[in-house]
N, C-alpha and C. Protein backbone atom coordinates (compact mmCIF):
# COMPACT_ATOMS: atom_id res chain seq x y z
N MET A 1 0.84 -1.21 0.00
CA MET A 1 0.00 0.00 0.00
C MET A 1 0.88 1.26 0.00
N MET A 2 1.86 1.29 0.91
CA MET A 2 2.73 2.45 0.98
C MET A 2 3.55 2.58 -0.30
N PHE A 3 4.04 1.44 -0.82
CA PHE A 3 4.84 1.47 -2.03
C PHE A 3 4.02 2.00 -3.21
N GLU A 4 2.76 1.55 -3.31
CA GLU A 4 1.91 2.02 -4.41
C GLU A 4 1.65 3.52 -4.29
N MET A 5 1.43 4.00 -3.06
CA MET A 5 1.20 5.43 -2.87
C MET A 5 2.45 6.24 -3.24
N LEU A 6 3.59 5.75 -2.80
CA LEU A 6 4.84 6.45 -3.12
C LEU A 6 5.09 6.47 -4.62
N GLN A 7 4.74 5.38 -5.27
CA GLN A 7 4.93 5.32 -6.72
C GLN A 7 4.03 6.31 -7.43
N HIS A 8 2.80 6.45 -6.96
CA HIS A 8 1.83 7.33 -7.63
C HIS A 8 2.04 8.80 -7.24
N TYR A 9 2.27 9.03 -5.94
CA TYR A 9 2.35 10.42 -5.46
C TYR A 9 3.79 10.89 -5.23
N GLY A 10 4.75 10.02 -5.56
CA GLY A 10 6.14 10.38 -5.34
C GLY A 10 6.56 11.70 -5.96
N PRO A 11 6.25 11.95 -7.25
CA PRO A 11 6.65 13.24 -7.84
C PRO A 11 6.05 14.44 -7.13
N ASP A 12 4.78 14.34 -6.71
CA ASP A 12 4.17 15.45 -5.98
C ASP A 12 4.83 15.65 -4.62
N LEU A 13 5.15 14.53 -3.95
CA LEU A 13 5.82 14.64 -2.65
C LEU A 13 7.21 15.24 -2.79
N LEU A 14 7.92 14.87 -3.84
CA LEU A 14 9.24 15.45 -4.07
C LEU A 14 9.14 16.96 -4.35
N THR A 15 8.10 17.34 -5.11
CA THR A 15 7.88 18.77 -5.34
C THR A 15 7.59 19.49 -4.03
N GLY A 16 6.73 18.88 -3.21
CA GLY A 16 6.42 19.45 -1.91
C GLY A 16 7.63 19.54 -1.02
N PHE A 17 8.47 18.50 -1.08
CA PHE A 17 9.70 18.51 -0.29
C PHE A 17 10.61 19.67 -0.72
N GLY A 18 10.73 19.86 -2.03
CA GLY A 18 11.56 20.95 -2.53
C GLY A 18 11.06 22.31 -2.07
N ILE A 19 9.74 22.49 -2.10
CA ILE A 19 9.17 23.77 -1.67
C ILE A 19 9.33 23.96 -0.17
N THR A 20 9.16 22.88 0.61
CA THR A 20 9.39 22.96 2.05
C THR A 20 10.83 23.34 2.34
N LEU A 21 11.76 22.68 1.66
CA LEU A 21 13.18 22.95 1.86
C LEU A 21 13.52 24.39 1.49
N LEU A 22 12.98 24.87 0.37
CA LEU A 22 13.25 26.24 -0.06
C LEU A 22 12.66 27.25 0.93
N SER A 23 11.43 27.03 1.35
CA SER A 23 10.78 27.95 2.29
C SER A 23 11.54 27.99 3.61
N TRP A 24 11.91 26.81 4.10
CA TRP A 24 12.63 26.76 5.38
C TRP A 24 14.01 27.42 5.26
N THR A 25 14.73 27.13 4.19
CA THR A 25 16.07 27.68 4.02
C THR A 25 16.04 29.20 3.95
N LEU A 26 15.17 29.74 3.09
CA LEU A 26 15.11 31.20 2.95
C LEU A 26 14.57 31.85 4.22
N GLY A 27 13.54 31.25 4.83
CA GLY A 27 12.99 31.81 6.06
C GLY A 27 14.00 31.82 7.19
N THR A 28 14.80 30.75 7.29
CA THR A 28 15.81 30.67 8.35
C THR A 28 16.95 31.65 8.10
N VAL A 29 17.47 31.67 6.87
CA VAL A 29 18.60 32.56 6.55
C VAL A 29 18.19 34.03 6.70
N PHE A 30 17.05 34.39 6.11
CA PHE A 30 16.60 35.78 6.20
C PHE A 30 16.22 36.15 7.63
N GLY A 31 15.59 35.21 8.36
CA GLY A 31 15.22 35.47 9.74
C GLY A 31 16.44 35.68 10.62
N LEU A 32 17.49 34.87 10.40
CA LEU A 32 18.73 35.04 11.16
C LEU A 32 19.40 36.36 10.82
N ALA A 33 19.43 36.70 9.52
CA ALA A 33 20.04 37.97 9.11
C ALA A 33 19.29 39.16 9.71
N LEU A 34 17.96 39.11 9.65
CA LEU A 34 17.16 40.21 10.21
C LEU A 34 17.33 40.27 11.72
N GLY A 35 17.34 39.11 12.37
CA GLY A 35 17.54 39.09 13.82
C GLY A 35 18.89 39.66 14.21
N PHE A 36 19.92 39.37 13.42
CA PHE A 36 21.26 39.91 13.69
C PHE A 36 21.27 41.43 13.56
N VAL A 37 20.64 41.95 12.50
CA VAL A 37 20.58 43.40 12.30
C VAL A 37 19.82 44.06 13.45
N ILE A 38 18.70 43.46 13.85
CA ILE A 38 17.91 44.04 14.94
C ILE A 38 18.72 44.08 16.22
N GLU A 39 19.44 43.00 16.52
CA GLU A 39 20.23 42.96 17.76
C GLU A 39 21.38 43.95 17.72
N ILE A 40 22.03 44.10 16.57
CA ILE A 40 23.12 45.08 16.45
C ILE A 40 22.59 46.50 16.64
N VAL A 41 21.42 46.79 16.03
CA VAL A 41 20.83 48.13 16.20
C VAL A 41 20.45 48.35 17.65
N ARG A 42 19.87 47.34 18.29
CA ARG A 42 19.49 47.50 19.70
C ARG A 42 20.71 47.69 20.60
N ARG A 43 21.81 47.03 20.25
CA ARG A 43 23.01 47.07 21.10
C ARG A 43 23.84 48.32 20.88
N PHE A 44 23.93 48.78 19.63
CA PHE A 44 24.83 49.90 19.32
C PHE A 44 24.09 51.14 18.81
N GLY A 45 22.79 51.01 18.52
CA GLY A 45 22.05 52.16 18.00
C GLY A 45 21.54 53.06 19.10
N PRO A 46 20.75 54.06 18.72
CA PRO A 46 20.16 54.97 19.71
C PRO A 46 19.31 54.22 20.72
N SER A 47 19.38 54.64 21.96
CA SER A 47 18.66 53.93 23.02
C SER A 47 17.14 53.97 22.82
N LEU A 48 16.65 55.01 22.15
CA LEU A 48 15.20 55.11 21.93
C LEU A 48 14.68 53.97 21.05
N LEU A 49 15.55 53.41 20.21
CA LEU A 49 15.11 52.30 19.36
C LEU A 49 14.88 51.01 20.14
N GLY A 50 15.38 50.99 21.37
CA GLY A 50 15.21 49.78 22.19
C GLY A 50 13.75 49.47 22.48
N TYR A 51 12.92 50.50 22.63
CA TYR A 51 11.52 50.28 22.98
C TYR A 51 10.72 49.67 21.83
N PRO A 52 10.77 50.23 20.61
CA PRO A 52 10.04 49.57 19.51
C PRO A 52 10.58 48.19 19.19
N ILE A 53 11.90 48.00 19.32
CA ILE A 53 12.47 46.67 19.06
C ILE A 53 11.93 45.67 20.07
N ARG A 54 11.90 46.06 21.33
CA ARG A 54 11.38 45.16 22.36
C ARG A 54 9.91 44.85 22.11
N ALA A 55 9.13 45.87 21.71
CA ALA A 55 7.72 45.64 21.41
C ALA A 55 7.54 44.69 20.24
N TYR A 56 8.36 44.85 19.20
CA TYR A 56 8.31 43.96 18.03
C TYR A 56 8.62 42.53 18.42
N VAL A 57 9.70 42.34 19.17
CA VAL A 57 10.10 40.99 19.58
C VAL A 57 9.02 40.34 20.43
N GLU A 58 8.50 41.07 21.40
CA GLU A 58 7.50 40.49 22.30
C GLU A 58 6.19 40.20 21.58
N PHE A 59 5.82 41.05 20.63
CA PHE A 59 4.58 40.81 19.89
C PHE A 59 4.69 39.57 19.03
N ILE A 60 5.81 39.42 18.31
CA ILE A 60 5.98 38.25 17.45
C ILE A 60 6.07 36.98 18.27
N ARG A 61 6.79 37.02 19.37
CA ARG A 61 6.92 35.83 20.21
C ARG A 61 5.63 35.51 20.95
N GLY A 62 4.78 36.52 21.13
CA GLY A 62 3.56 36.32 21.91
C GLY A 62 2.33 35.95 21.11
N THR A 63 2.46 35.86 19.79
CA THR A 63 1.31 35.50 18.95
C THR A 63 1.65 34.25 18.13
N PRO A 64 0.65 33.39 17.89
CA PRO A 64 0.93 32.16 17.12
C PRO A 64 1.32 32.47 15.67
N PHE A 65 2.17 31.62 15.14
CA PHE A 65 2.60 31.80 13.74
C PHE A 65 1.42 31.69 12.80
N LEU A 66 0.46 30.84 13.11
CA LEU A 66 -0.72 30.71 12.25
C LEU A 66 -1.46 32.04 12.13
N VAL A 67 -1.62 32.73 13.24
CA VAL A 67 -2.30 34.03 13.22
C VAL A 67 -1.48 35.03 12.41
N GLN A 68 -0.17 35.03 12.60
CA GLN A 68 0.69 35.97 11.86
C GLN A 68 0.62 35.75 10.36
N ILE A 69 0.64 34.48 9.94
CA ILE A 69 0.63 34.21 8.50
C ILE A 69 -0.73 34.55 7.89
N PHE A 70 -1.81 34.36 8.65
CA PHE A 70 -3.13 34.76 8.17
C PHE A 70 -3.23 36.27 8.02
N VAL A 71 -2.72 36.99 9.02
CA VAL A 71 -2.77 38.46 8.96
C VAL A 71 -1.95 38.96 7.78
N LEU A 72 -0.78 38.35 7.56
CA LEU A 72 0.10 38.78 6.47
C LEU A 72 -0.51 38.49 5.11
N TYR A 73 -1.08 37.30 4.95
CA TYR A 73 -1.58 36.88 3.63
C TYR A 73 -2.96 37.44 3.32
N TYR A 74 -3.86 37.34 4.29
CA TYR A 74 -5.24 37.80 4.05
C TYR A 74 -5.46 39.26 4.43
N GLY A 75 -4.70 39.74 5.42
CA GLY A 75 -4.86 41.13 5.84
C GLY A 75 -3.93 42.08 5.12
N GLY A 76 -2.88 41.55 4.48
CA GLY A 76 -1.92 42.39 3.78
C GLY A 76 -2.54 43.29 2.72
N PRO A 77 -3.46 42.77 1.89
CA PRO A 77 -4.06 43.64 0.86
C PRO A 77 -4.75 44.87 1.43
N LEU A 78 -5.23 44.81 2.67
CA LEU A 78 -5.86 45.99 3.28
C LEU A 78 -4.84 47.10 3.50
N LEU A 79 -3.56 46.72 3.60
CA LEU A 79 -2.48 47.70 3.79
C LEU A 79 -1.70 47.94 2.51
N GLY A 80 -2.20 47.40 1.40
CA GLY A 80 -1.52 47.56 0.12
C GLY A 80 -0.42 46.55 -0.12
N LEU A 81 -0.33 45.52 0.71
CA LEU A 81 0.70 44.49 0.57
C LEU A 81 0.05 43.24 -0.01
N ARG A 82 0.22 43.05 -1.31
CA ARG A 82 -0.38 41.90 -2.00
C ARG A 82 0.73 40.92 -2.38
N LEU A 83 0.73 39.77 -1.73
CA LEU A 83 1.76 38.77 -1.96
C LEU A 83 1.13 37.44 -2.35
N ASP A 84 1.80 36.74 -3.26
CA ASP A 84 1.39 35.37 -3.54
C ASP A 84 1.69 34.51 -2.33
N ALA A 85 1.17 33.28 -2.35
CA ALA A 85 1.27 32.42 -1.18
C ALA A 85 2.73 32.14 -0.80
N MET A 86 3.56 31.81 -1.78
CA MET A 86 4.94 31.45 -1.49
C MET A 86 5.73 32.62 -0.90
N PRO A 87 5.75 33.80 -1.53
CA PRO A 87 6.46 34.93 -0.91
C PRO A 87 5.90 35.29 0.46
N ALA A 88 4.59 35.20 0.63
CA ALA A 88 3.99 35.49 1.94
C ALA A 88 4.48 34.50 2.99
N GLY A 89 4.58 33.23 2.60
CA GLY A 89 5.06 32.22 3.54
C GLY A 89 6.50 32.45 3.94
N ILE A 90 7.36 32.77 2.98
CA ILE A 90 8.77 33.03 3.29
C ILE A 90 8.92 34.28 4.15
N LEU A 91 8.16 35.33 3.82
CA LEU A 91 8.21 36.55 4.62
C LEU A 91 7.70 36.28 6.04
N GLY A 92 6.65 35.47 6.14
CA GLY A 92 6.13 35.13 7.46
C GLY A 92 7.15 34.38 8.30
N LEU A 93 7.82 33.40 7.71
CA LEU A 93 8.86 32.66 8.44
C LEU A 93 10.01 33.59 8.83
N THR A 94 10.34 34.54 7.95
CA THR A 94 11.42 35.48 8.23
C THR A 94 11.09 36.34 9.44
N ILE A 95 9.90 36.91 9.45
CA ILE A 95 9.49 37.79 10.55
C ILE A 95 9.39 36.99 11.85
N TYR A 96 8.76 35.82 11.77
CA TYR A 96 8.60 34.98 12.95
C TYR A 96 9.96 34.57 13.51
N GLY A 97 10.85 34.12 12.62
CA GLY A 97 12.16 33.68 13.08
C GLY A 97 13.02 34.80 13.61
N SER A 98 12.89 35.99 13.04
CA SER A 98 13.78 37.09 13.43
C SER A 98 13.65 37.44 14.90
N ALA A 99 12.41 37.38 15.44
CA ALA A 99 12.22 37.73 16.85
C ALA A 99 12.93 36.75 17.76
N TYR A 100 12.85 35.47 17.44
CA TYR A 100 13.50 34.46 18.27
C TYR A 100 15.02 34.49 18.10
N PHE A 101 15.46 34.66 16.87
CA PHE A 101 16.91 34.76 16.65
C PHE A 101 17.49 35.99 17.34
N THR A 102 16.74 37.08 17.39
CA THR A 102 17.19 38.27 18.10
C THR A 102 17.48 37.98 19.56
N GLU A 103 16.57 37.26 20.20
CA GLU A 103 16.76 36.94 21.61
C GLU A 103 17.90 35.95 21.82
N ILE A 104 18.04 34.99 20.92
CA ILE A 104 19.15 34.04 21.01
C ILE A 104 20.49 34.78 20.88
N LEU A 105 20.55 35.69 19.91
CA LEU A 105 21.78 36.45 19.71
C LEU A 105 22.05 37.39 20.87
N ARG A 106 21.00 37.96 21.44
CA ARG A 106 21.19 38.83 22.62
C ARG A 106 21.86 38.06 23.75
N ALA A 107 21.36 36.86 24.02
CA ALA A 107 21.96 36.04 25.08
C ALA A 107 23.40 35.66 24.72
N GLY A 108 23.64 35.37 23.45
CA GLY A 108 24.99 35.02 23.03
C GLY A 108 25.96 36.18 23.18
N PHE A 109 25.54 37.37 22.76
CA PHE A 109 26.40 38.54 22.90
C PHE A 109 26.65 38.87 24.38
N ASP A 110 25.62 38.68 25.21
CA ASP A 110 25.79 38.96 26.64
C ASP A 110 26.81 38.03 27.29
N ALA A 111 27.03 36.86 26.67
CA ALA A 111 27.98 35.89 27.22
C ALA A 111 29.43 36.22 26.88
N VAL A 112 29.65 37.18 25.98
CA VAL A 112 31.02 37.57 25.62
C VAL A 112 31.65 38.32 26.80
N PRO A 113 32.84 37.92 27.25
CA PRO A 113 33.48 38.62 28.38
C PRO A 113 33.66 40.11 28.11
N LYS A 114 33.19 40.92 29.05
CA LYS A 114 33.25 42.37 28.86
C LYS A 114 34.69 42.88 28.81
N GLY A 115 35.59 42.17 29.47
CA GLY A 115 36.99 42.61 29.46
C GLY A 115 37.58 42.62 28.07
N GLN A 116 37.19 41.64 27.24
CA GLN A 116 37.73 41.61 25.87
C GLN A 116 37.20 42.78 25.04
N ILE A 117 35.93 43.13 25.27
CA ILE A 117 35.35 44.26 24.53
C ILE A 117 36.02 45.56 24.96
N GLU A 118 36.21 45.73 26.27
CA GLU A 118 36.85 46.95 26.77
C GLU A 118 38.29 47.06 26.28
N ALA A 119 38.98 45.94 26.22
CA ALA A 119 40.36 45.96 25.74
C ALA A 119 40.42 46.35 24.27
N ALA A 120 39.48 45.85 23.48
CA ALA A 120 39.44 46.20 22.05
C ALA A 120 39.14 47.68 21.87
N ARG A 121 38.24 48.23 22.68
CA ARG A 121 37.95 49.66 22.58
C ARG A 121 39.15 50.49 23.02
N ALA A 122 39.89 49.98 23.99
CA ALA A 122 41.04 50.73 24.50
C ALA A 122 42.13 50.89 23.45
N ILE A 123 42.22 49.92 22.54
CA ILE A 123 43.25 50.04 21.49
C ILE A 123 42.69 50.62 20.20
N GLY A 124 41.45 51.14 20.26
CA GLY A 124 40.91 51.91 19.15
C GLY A 124 40.07 51.16 18.14
N PHE A 125 39.63 49.95 18.44
CA PHE A 125 38.77 49.22 17.51
C PHE A 125 37.41 49.89 17.40
N ALA A 126 36.91 49.99 16.17
CA ALA A 126 35.54 50.49 15.96
C ALA A 126 34.54 49.43 16.38
N ASN A 127 33.29 49.87 16.59
CA ASN A 127 32.26 48.93 17.06
C ASN A 127 32.08 47.75 16.11
N MET A 128 32.01 48.01 14.81
CA MET A 128 31.79 46.93 13.86
C MET A 128 32.98 45.96 13.81
N THR A 129 34.18 46.49 14.02
CA THR A 129 35.36 45.62 14.08
C THR A 129 35.31 44.73 15.31
N ILE A 130 34.87 45.30 16.42
CA ILE A 130 34.72 44.52 17.66
C ILE A 130 33.69 43.41 17.46
N VAL A 131 32.59 43.76 16.82
CA VAL A 131 31.54 42.77 16.57
C VAL A 131 32.07 41.64 15.69
N ARG A 132 32.74 42.02 14.60
CA ARG A 132 33.17 41.03 13.60
C ARG A 132 34.30 40.14 14.10
N ARG A 133 35.27 40.73 14.78
CA ARG A 133 36.49 39.98 15.11
C ARG A 133 36.49 39.39 16.51
N ILE A 134 35.66 39.91 17.39
CA ILE A 134 35.69 39.44 18.78
C ILE A 134 34.34 38.86 19.21
N MET A 135 33.29 39.67 19.07
CA MET A 135 32.00 39.26 19.64
C MET A 135 31.37 38.10 18.90
N VAL A 136 31.32 38.17 17.55
CA VAL A 136 30.64 37.13 16.79
C VAL A 136 31.28 35.75 16.98
N PRO A 137 32.61 35.60 16.84
CA PRO A 137 33.19 34.26 17.03
C PRO A 137 32.92 33.67 18.41
N ILE A 138 33.05 34.50 19.47
CA ILE A 138 32.81 33.99 20.82
C ILE A 138 31.32 33.72 21.03
N MET A 139 30.48 34.63 20.54
CA MET A 139 29.04 34.48 20.70
C MET A 139 28.52 33.21 20.05
N MET A 140 29.08 32.85 18.89
CA MET A 140 28.57 31.71 18.15
C MET A 140 28.71 30.40 18.91
N VAL A 141 29.73 30.29 19.75
CA VAL A 141 29.93 29.05 20.51
C VAL A 141 28.75 28.79 21.44
N SER A 142 28.28 29.83 22.12
CA SER A 142 27.16 29.66 23.05
C SER A 142 25.80 29.76 22.37
N ALA A 143 25.72 30.53 21.27
CA ALA A 143 24.43 30.75 20.62
C ALA A 143 24.09 29.70 19.58
N LEU A 144 25.08 28.99 19.07
CA LEU A 144 24.81 28.05 17.97
C LEU A 144 23.85 26.93 18.35
N PRO A 145 24.00 26.26 19.51
CA PRO A 145 23.05 25.20 19.86
C PRO A 145 21.59 25.67 19.89
N PRO A 146 21.25 26.80 20.59
CA PRO A 146 19.85 27.24 20.52
C PRO A 146 19.42 27.71 19.13
N MET A 147 20.36 28.23 18.32
CA MET A 147 20.02 28.62 16.96
C MET A 147 19.65 27.39 16.12
N VAL A 148 20.42 26.33 16.27
CA VAL A 148 20.11 25.08 15.55
C VAL A 148 18.77 24.52 16.04
N ASN A 149 18.56 24.59 17.35
CA ASN A 149 17.30 24.09 17.90
C ASN A 149 16.11 24.86 17.34
N PHE A 150 16.24 26.18 17.25
CA PHE A 150 15.12 26.95 16.70
C PHE A 150 14.96 26.72 15.21
N ALA A 151 16.07 26.50 14.50
CA ALA A 151 15.96 26.16 13.08
C ALA A 151 15.18 24.87 12.90
N ILE A 152 15.35 23.92 13.82
CA ILE A 152 14.57 22.68 13.78
C ILE A 152 13.09 22.97 14.02
N ILE A 153 12.81 23.86 14.96
CA ILE A 153 11.41 24.24 15.20
C ILE A 153 10.80 24.85 13.94
N LEU A 154 11.57 25.66 13.23
CA LEU A 154 11.06 26.28 12.01
C LEU A 154 10.71 25.25 10.93
N THR A 155 11.44 24.11 10.91
CA THR A 155 11.08 23.08 9.92
C THR A 155 9.64 22.64 10.11
N LYS A 156 9.22 22.52 11.37
CA LYS A 156 7.86 22.05 11.65
C LYS A 156 6.83 23.16 11.46
N GLU A 157 7.26 24.40 11.58
CA GLU A 157 6.33 25.51 11.33
C GLU A 157 6.00 25.64 9.85
N THR A 158 6.82 25.07 8.98
CA THR A 158 6.53 25.18 7.54
C THR A 158 5.21 24.52 7.16
N VAL A 159 4.74 23.56 7.96
CA VAL A 159 3.47 22.89 7.61
C VAL A 159 2.31 23.88 7.65
N ILE A 160 2.45 24.95 8.42
CA ILE A 160 1.38 25.95 8.52
C ILE A 160 1.20 26.68 7.19
N LEU A 161 2.25 26.70 6.36
CA LEU A 161 2.14 27.38 5.08
C LEU A 161 1.10 26.73 4.17
N SER A 162 0.78 25.46 4.43
CA SER A 162 -0.27 24.80 3.65
C SER A 162 -1.63 25.49 3.84
N MET A 163 -1.79 26.19 4.97
CA MET A 163 -3.06 26.88 5.26
C MET A 163 -3.30 28.06 4.32
N ILE A 164 -2.23 28.57 3.70
CA ILE A 164 -2.40 29.66 2.72
C ILE A 164 -2.08 29.15 1.30
N THR A 165 -2.21 27.83 1.13
CA THR A 165 -2.11 27.14 -0.17
C THR A 165 -0.70 27.09 -0.74
N VAL A 166 0.33 27.22 0.10
CA VAL A 166 1.69 26.95 -0.38
C VAL A 166 1.79 25.44 -0.59
N PRO A 167 2.16 24.96 -1.79
CA PRO A 167 2.13 23.52 -2.07
C PRO A 167 3.33 22.77 -1.52
N GLU A 168 3.60 22.95 -0.21
CA GLU A 168 4.72 22.24 0.41
C GLU A 168 4.29 20.82 0.75
N ILE A 169 5.10 20.10 1.50
CA ILE A 169 4.86 18.67 1.65
C ILE A 169 3.59 18.37 2.44
N MET A 170 3.22 19.21 3.40
CA MET A 170 1.96 18.99 4.12
C MET A 170 0.78 19.16 3.18
N PHE A 171 0.84 20.14 2.32
CA PHE A 171 -0.22 20.36 1.33
C PHE A 171 -0.37 19.14 0.44
N GLN A 172 0.77 18.59 -0.02
CA GLN A 172 0.74 17.41 -0.89
C GLN A 172 0.22 16.19 -0.13
N THR A 173 0.56 16.10 1.15
CA THR A 173 0.07 14.98 1.96
C THR A 173 -1.44 15.07 2.15
N GLN A 174 -1.95 16.27 2.37
CA GLN A 174 -3.40 16.45 2.50
C GLN A 174 -4.12 16.10 1.21
N THR A 175 -3.51 16.46 0.09
CA THR A 175 -4.08 16.09 -1.21
C THR A 175 -4.13 14.58 -1.36
N MET A 176 -3.06 13.91 -0.95
CA MET A 176 -3.01 12.45 -1.01
C MET A 176 -4.11 11.83 -0.16
N MET A 177 -4.32 12.36 1.04
CA MET A 177 -5.35 11.82 1.93
C MET A 177 -6.75 12.03 1.37
N SER A 178 -7.00 13.21 0.79
CA SER A 178 -8.32 13.51 0.26
C SER A 178 -8.66 12.67 -0.97
N GLU A 179 -7.63 12.27 -1.72
CA GLU A 179 -7.88 11.48 -2.94
C GLU A 179 -7.93 9.98 -2.68
N THR A 180 -7.23 9.51 -1.64
CA THR A 180 -7.18 8.07 -1.38
C THR A 180 -8.03 7.65 -0.19
N PHE A 181 -8.45 8.62 0.64
CA PHE A 181 -9.19 8.36 1.88
C PHE A 181 -8.37 7.48 2.83
N ALA A 182 -7.08 7.47 2.64
CA ALA A 182 -6.17 6.79 3.56
C ALA A 182 -5.47 7.87 4.39
N PHE A 183 -5.33 7.62 5.68
CA PHE A 183 -4.78 8.64 6.56
C PHE A 183 -3.47 8.20 7.22
N PHE A 184 -3.41 6.95 7.63
CA PHE A 184 -2.23 6.51 8.37
C PHE A 184 -0.96 6.55 7.51
N THR A 185 -1.04 6.00 6.31
CA THR A 185 0.15 5.92 5.46
C THR A 185 0.68 7.30 5.07
N PRO A 186 -0.17 8.24 4.60
CA PRO A 186 0.37 9.58 4.28
C PRO A 186 0.98 10.28 5.49
N ILE A 187 0.33 10.15 6.66
CA ILE A 187 0.86 10.80 7.86
C ILE A 187 2.19 10.16 8.27
N LEU A 188 2.28 8.82 8.11
CA LEU A 188 3.54 8.14 8.42
C LEU A 188 4.66 8.61 7.49
N ILE A 189 4.35 8.77 6.22
CA ILE A 189 5.34 9.28 5.27
C ILE A 189 5.79 10.68 5.66
N LEU A 190 4.83 11.53 6.05
CA LEU A 190 5.15 12.89 6.48
C LEU A 190 6.03 12.88 7.72
N ALA A 191 5.69 12.02 8.68
CA ALA A 191 6.48 11.96 9.92
C ALA A 191 7.91 11.49 9.64
N LEU A 192 8.05 10.50 8.78
CA LEU A 192 9.39 10.01 8.43
C LEU A 192 10.21 11.08 7.73
N PHE A 193 9.54 11.86 6.88
CA PHE A 193 10.24 12.95 6.18
C PHE A 193 10.80 13.95 7.19
N PHE A 194 9.96 14.41 8.13
CA PHE A 194 10.42 15.41 9.08
C PHE A 194 11.46 14.83 10.04
N TRP A 195 11.32 13.56 10.40
CA TRP A 195 12.33 12.94 11.25
C TRP A 195 13.69 12.95 10.56
N GLY A 196 13.73 12.56 9.30
CA GLY A 196 14.99 12.57 8.56
C GLY A 196 15.53 13.98 8.38
N PHE A 197 14.65 14.93 8.12
CA PHE A 197 15.03 16.33 7.93
C PHE A 197 15.67 16.88 9.21
N VAL A 198 15.03 16.62 10.35
CA VAL A 198 15.53 17.11 11.63
C VAL A 198 16.87 16.47 11.97
N GLU A 199 17.00 15.17 11.69
CA GLU A 199 18.27 14.49 11.96
C GLU A 199 19.41 15.11 11.15
N LEU A 200 19.12 15.44 9.89
CA LEU A 200 20.14 16.05 9.05
C LEU A 200 20.57 17.41 9.60
N ILE A 201 19.61 18.24 10.00
CA ILE A 201 19.92 19.56 10.54
C ILE A 201 20.72 19.42 11.84
N SER A 202 20.34 18.46 12.68
CA SER A 202 21.04 18.26 13.95
C SER A 202 22.50 17.89 13.72
N ARG A 203 22.74 17.00 12.76
CA ARG A 203 24.11 16.59 12.46
C ARG A 203 24.93 17.75 11.91
N LEU A 204 24.33 18.53 11.02
CA LEU A 204 25.02 19.70 10.49
C LEU A 204 25.32 20.71 11.59
N GLY A 205 24.37 20.88 12.52
CA GLY A 205 24.58 21.79 13.63
C GLY A 205 25.73 21.37 14.52
N ARG A 206 25.84 20.06 14.80
CA ARG A 206 26.94 19.59 15.63
C ARG A 206 28.29 19.79 14.94
N ARG A 207 28.32 19.61 13.63
CA ARG A 207 29.57 19.85 12.89
C ARG A 207 29.96 21.32 12.96
N LEU A 208 28.97 22.22 12.83
CA LEU A 208 29.26 23.65 12.93
C LEU A 208 29.78 24.01 14.31
N GLU A 209 29.20 23.43 15.35
CA GLU A 209 29.66 23.69 16.71
C GLU A 209 31.13 23.31 16.87
N ARG A 210 31.50 22.13 16.35
CA ARG A 210 32.90 21.71 16.46
C ARG A 210 33.83 22.65 15.69
N ARG A 211 33.38 23.10 14.51
CA ARG A 211 34.22 23.99 13.70
C ARG A 211 34.48 25.31 14.43
N PHE A 212 33.43 25.90 15.02
CA PHE A 212 33.62 27.16 15.72
C PHE A 212 34.49 26.98 16.95
N THR A 213 34.34 25.85 17.64
CA THR A 213 35.17 25.60 18.81
C THR A 213 36.63 25.47 18.41
N TYR A 214 36.90 24.71 17.34
CA TYR A 214 38.28 24.58 16.86
C TYR A 214 38.84 25.92 16.40
N TYR A 215 37.98 26.74 15.79
CA TYR A 215 38.42 28.06 15.32
C TYR A 215 38.90 28.92 16.48
N LEU A 216 38.14 28.92 17.57
CA LEU A 216 38.53 29.71 18.73
C LEU A 216 39.78 29.16 19.39
N LEU A 217 39.89 27.83 19.44
CA LEU A 217 41.09 27.24 20.03
C LEU A 217 42.32 27.58 19.21
N ASP A 218 42.19 27.61 17.87
CA ASP A 218 43.32 27.95 17.02
C ASP A 218 43.75 29.40 17.22
N ARG A 219 42.76 30.29 17.50
CA ARG A 219 43.08 31.70 17.67
C ARG A 219 43.72 31.99 19.03
N SER A 220 43.41 31.13 20.01
CA SER A 220 43.91 31.40 21.36
C SER A 220 45.37 30.96 21.52
């Protein structure tokens, strides 16, 4: 039964897998980049910007992703923002991820020894040089595990994109269930896909952790 389903729906599932992978990759990369910019602005920018940044982070973290994606996709046209399902999904993942990545990076930057920052300022390093050469390498050692963990969480949030008709793997699985009236086999296939996906991300994350640790040891 499973083999016959895979044979018939395999191409659609592969297409859904590709869209899931693309959505997750872009949402994670853009979310991390936006979170990094937000944290740098909060840390080195005008103090008045701290209040709207905190409000943004708390609002995004305090509301479900499903609600956010509905507001963005269905409520966007009311504000003149008309997006197709796929761009809306990627933008939604980016905004959602940025708030969490901001907090992860904040904790990572706070773990950097203040003495090293003060020493760098004493010899005339600019703020961006301090961030690039001192803070980021040290911060990554402590921040990388929670960043990988949240990236794993984002893989599972991609299924919500099916609610706005993004044809990712959950959407394809629902189509399979509606056409075959079989539920266990499609859900089992979906679960196995995400299990394998998460295992791959976890292994890549552990390799990155070792690389950053070796990098710091080589510099010391």
